[in-house]
Amino acid sequence: MSTSQQLRVWPGERLLLPIENAAARYLLRCVQGEGYLRIMSCAQRQAIVRGDERLIAGGEIATLTGKKAMLIELKKLS
């Protein structure tokens, strides 16, 4: 079973992901806007735009930084 939540990220704001359980896998989907995702085990940040999806593996910590106002759907995978 999966659960999801929607998050707003404003330009210049940095959000630490995941919000709840770091051991779970998450699917991040950009519904609106632009920004950057940095997964801590990888040195390079990834550009995120509307329609993009990224998997955050269990145990990973990531930051999401808004470039334009973003609406993100974060789905916890079982």
N, C-alpha and C. Protein backbone atom coordinates (compact mmCIF):
# COMPACT_ATOMS: atom_id res chain seq x y z
N MET A 1 0.84 -1.18 0.00
CA MET A 1 0.00 0.00 0.00
C MET A 1 0.88 1.24 0.00
N SER A 2 0.45 2.28 -0.70
CA SER A 2 1.24 3.50 -0.75
C SER A 2 0.41 4.67 -0.23
N THR A 3 1.09 5.65 0.32
CA THR A 3 0.45 6.88 0.77
C THR A 3 1.17 8.04 0.11
N SER A 4 0.43 9.11 -0.15
CA SER A 4 1.07 10.25 -0.80
C SER A 4 0.66 11.54 -0.11
N GLN A 5 1.49 12.54 -0.30
CA GLN A 5 1.21 13.88 0.21
C GLN A 5 1.69 14.89 -0.81
N GLN A 6 1.05 16.05 -0.83
CA GLN A 6 1.47 17.12 -1.71
C GLN A 6 2.19 18.18 -0.89
N LEU A 7 3.28 18.69 -1.46
CA LEU A 7 4.11 19.68 -0.78
C LEU A 7 4.30 20.88 -1.70
N ARG A 8 4.31 22.06 -1.13
CA ARG A 8 4.64 23.28 -1.87
C ARG A 8 6.08 23.67 -1.50
N VAL A 9 6.83 24.06 -2.52
CA VAL A 9 8.19 24.54 -2.33
C VAL A 9 8.29 25.87 -3.06
N TRP A 10 8.64 26.91 -2.34
CA TRP A 10 8.71 28.26 -2.91
C TRP A 10 10.11 28.53 -3.46
N PRO A 11 10.25 29.49 -4.38
CA PRO A 11 11.57 29.83 -4.93
C PRO A 11 12.57 30.14 -3.82
N GLY A 12 13.71 29.49 -3.87
CA GLY A 12 14.76 29.68 -2.88
C GLY A 12 14.61 28.83 -1.63
N GLU A 13 13.46 28.21 -1.45
CA GLU A 13 13.25 27.36 -0.27
C GLU A 13 13.92 26.01 -0.47
N ARG A 14 14.46 25.46 0.62
CA ARG A 14 15.08 24.14 0.59
C ARG A 14 14.32 23.24 1.56
N LEU A 15 13.92 22.08 1.08
CA LEU A 15 13.12 21.15 1.86
C LEU A 15 13.87 19.83 2.01
N LEU A 16 13.95 19.32 3.21
CA LEU A 16 14.61 18.05 3.49
C LEU A 16 13.60 16.92 3.27
N LEU A 17 14.00 15.92 2.51
CA LEU A 17 13.14 14.76 2.22
C LEU A 17 13.82 13.50 2.68
N PRO A 18 13.16 12.47 3.07
CA PRO A 18 11.71 12.37 3.23
C PRO A 18 11.26 13.06 4.50
N ILE A 19 9.98 13.37 4.55
CA ILE A 19 9.39 14.08 5.66
C ILE A 19 9.25 13.16 6.88
N GLU A 20 8.87 11.90 6.66
CA GLU A 20 8.55 11.00 7.77
C GLU A 20 9.60 9.91 7.97
N ASN A 21 9.46 8.82 7.27
CA ASN A 21 10.25 7.61 7.49
C ASN A 21 11.39 7.51 6.48
N ALA A 22 12.61 7.72 6.91
CA ALA A 22 13.76 7.70 6.00
C ALA A 22 14.07 6.30 5.48
N ALA A 23 13.57 5.26 6.13
CA ALA A 23 13.86 3.89 5.69
C ALA A 23 12.98 3.46 4.52
N ALA A 24 11.89 4.16 4.27
CA ALA A 24 10.97 3.80 3.20
C ALA A 24 11.43 4.37 1.86
N ARG A 25 10.96 3.75 0.78
CA ARG A 25 11.22 4.28 -0.57
C ARG A 25 10.13 5.30 -0.90
N TYR A 26 10.51 6.33 -1.65
CA TYR A 26 9.57 7.37 -2.03
C TYR A 26 9.67 7.64 -3.52
N LEU A 27 8.52 7.98 -4.11
CA LEU A 27 8.48 8.43 -5.50
C LEU A 27 8.12 9.90 -5.47
N LEU A 28 8.98 10.73 -6.01
CA LEU A 28 8.76 12.16 -6.06
C LEU A 28 8.29 12.51 -7.46
N ARG A 29 7.17 13.24 -7.58
CA ARG A 29 6.65 13.67 -8.87
C ARG A 29 6.41 15.16 -8.83
N CYS A 30 6.94 15.87 -9.80
CA CYS A 30 6.76 17.31 -9.90
C CYS A 30 5.46 17.59 -10.67
N VAL A 31 4.51 18.20 -10.00
CA VAL A 31 3.22 18.52 -10.61
C VAL A 31 3.29 19.89 -11.28
N GLN A 32 4.07 20.81 -10.70
CA GLN A 32 4.16 22.17 -11.20
C GLN A 32 5.48 22.78 -10.75
N GLY A 33 6.05 23.64 -11.59
CA GLY A 33 7.23 24.41 -11.22
C GLY A 33 8.55 23.79 -11.63
N GLU A 34 9.63 24.31 -11.05
CA GLU A 34 10.99 23.86 -11.34
C GLU A 34 11.83 23.93 -10.09
N GLY A 35 12.83 23.05 -10.03
CA GLY A 35 13.76 23.08 -8.91
C GLY A 35 14.87 22.08 -9.09
N TYR A 36 15.55 21.78 -7.99
CA TYR A 36 16.68 20.86 -8.01
C TYR A 36 16.54 19.85 -6.88
N LEU A 37 16.86 18.59 -7.19
CA LEU A 37 16.86 17.52 -6.21
C LEU A 37 18.30 17.07 -6.03
N ARG A 38 18.74 16.99 -4.78
CA ARG A 38 20.07 16.48 -4.49
C ARG A 38 19.93 15.32 -3.52
N ILE A 39 20.30 14.13 -3.98
CA ILE A 39 20.33 12.95 -3.13
C ILE A 39 21.72 12.89 -2.53
N MET A 40 21.80 12.76 -1.22
CA MET A 40 23.06 12.94 -0.51
C MET A 40 24.15 11.94 -0.90
N SER A 41 23.78 10.77 -1.41
CA SER A 41 24.80 9.80 -1.81
C SER A 41 25.38 10.12 -3.19
N CYS A 42 24.83 11.14 -3.86
CA CYS A 42 25.29 11.53 -5.20
C CYS A 42 25.71 13.00 -5.15
N ALA A 43 26.85 13.31 -5.71
CA ALA A 43 27.39 14.67 -5.63
C ALA A 43 26.64 15.66 -6.51
N GLN A 44 26.04 15.20 -7.60
CA GLN A 44 25.39 16.11 -8.55
C GLN A 44 23.93 16.31 -8.24
N ARG A 45 23.45 17.54 -8.39
CA ARG A 45 22.02 17.79 -8.24
C ARG A 45 21.32 17.52 -9.57
N GLN A 46 20.05 17.19 -9.49
CA GLN A 46 19.25 16.87 -10.67
C GLN A 46 18.19 17.94 -10.86
N ALA A 47 18.09 18.47 -12.06
CA ALA A 47 17.03 19.44 -12.36
C ALA A 47 15.69 18.70 -12.39
N ILE A 48 14.69 19.31 -11.80
CA ILE A 48 13.34 18.75 -11.75
C ILE A 48 12.39 19.78 -12.37
N VAL A 49 11.61 19.34 -13.34
CA VAL A 49 10.60 20.19 -13.96
C VAL A 49 9.26 19.45 -13.96
N ARG A 50 8.21 20.16 -14.31
CA ARG A 50 6.87 19.59 -14.33
C ARG A 50 6.84 18.27 -15.11
N GLY A 51 6.26 17.24 -14.49
CA GLY A 51 6.13 15.94 -15.11
C GLY A 51 7.24 14.96 -14.77
N ASP A 52 8.34 15.44 -14.20
CA ASP A 52 9.46 14.56 -13.84
C ASP A 52 9.12 13.71 -12.62
N GLU A 53 9.65 12.50 -12.60
CA GLU A 53 9.53 11.60 -11.45
C GLU A 53 10.90 11.09 -11.08
N ARG A 54 11.16 10.98 -9.78
CA ARG A 54 12.42 10.44 -9.29
C ARG A 54 12.13 9.51 -8.12
N LEU A 55 12.88 8.43 -8.04
CA LEU A 55 12.76 7.49 -6.93
C LEU A 55 13.81 7.84 -5.89
N ILE A 56 13.39 7.93 -4.63
CA ILE A 56 14.31 8.12 -3.51
C ILE A 56 14.36 6.79 -2.79
N ALA A 57 15.49 6.12 -2.86
CA ALA A 57 15.65 4.78 -2.28
C ALA A 57 15.57 4.84 -0.76
N GLY A 58 15.19 3.73 -0.17
CA GLY A 58 15.12 3.63 1.29
C GLY A 58 16.46 3.93 1.92
N GLY A 59 16.46 4.72 2.96
CA GLY A 59 17.70 5.07 3.65
C GLY A 59 18.38 6.31 3.10
N GLU A 60 17.93 6.81 1.94
CA GLU A 60 18.52 8.01 1.34
C GLU A 60 17.89 9.27 1.94
N ILE A 61 18.68 10.29 2.05
CA ILE A 61 18.21 11.61 2.44
C ILE A 61 18.43 12.52 1.24
N ALA A 62 17.47 13.40 0.99
CA ALA A 62 17.55 14.28 -0.18
C ALA A 62 17.09 15.68 0.21
N THR A 63 17.51 16.66 -0.58
CA THR A 63 16.99 18.02 -0.44
C THR A 63 16.39 18.44 -1.76
N LEU A 64 15.31 19.18 -1.68
CA LEU A 64 14.64 19.72 -2.84
C LEU A 64 14.68 21.24 -2.71
N THR A 65 15.22 21.92 -3.72
CA THR A 65 15.34 23.37 -3.71
C THR A 65 14.49 23.94 -4.84
N GLY A 66 13.61 24.88 -4.50
CA GLY A 66 12.74 25.48 -5.50
C GLY A 66 13.45 26.54 -6.32
N LYS A 67 13.27 26.48 -7.64
CA LYS A 67 13.75 27.52 -8.54
C LYS A 67 12.56 28.41 -8.91
N LYS A 68 11.43 27.78 -9.24
CA LYS A 68 10.13 28.43 -9.42
C LYS A 68 9.19 27.73 -8.45
N ALA A 69 8.10 28.37 -8.07
CA ALA A 69 7.16 27.76 -7.13
C ALA A 69 6.79 26.36 -7.61
N MET A 70 6.93 25.38 -6.69
CA MET A 70 6.71 23.98 -7.06
C MET A 70 5.57 23.37 -6.27
N LEU A 71 4.89 22.43 -6.91
CA LEU A 71 3.95 21.56 -6.23
C LEU A 71 4.46 20.15 -6.48
N ILE A 72 4.74 19.44 -5.40
CA ILE A 72 5.36 18.12 -5.47
C ILE A 72 4.43 17.10 -4.86
N GLU A 73 4.34 15.94 -5.49
CA GLU A 73 3.65 14.82 -4.88
C GLU A 73 4.71 13.83 -4.43
N LEU A 74 4.69 13.50 -3.15
CA LEU A 74 5.65 12.56 -2.58
C LEU A 74 4.87 11.34 -2.14
N LYS A 75 5.13 10.22 -2.81
CA LYS A 75 4.39 8.99 -2.54
C LYS A 75 5.30 7.97 -1.86
N LYS A 76 4.87 7.53 -0.69
CA LYS A 76 5.60 6.51 0.05
C LYS A 76 5.23 5.15 -0.54
N LEU A 77 6.25 4.39 -0.95
CA LEU A 77 6.03 3.08 -1.56
C LEU A 77 6.21 1.98 -0.52
N SER A 78 5.41 0.94 -0.63
CA SER A 78 5.53 -0.16 0.33
C SER A 78 6.56 -1.16 -0.11
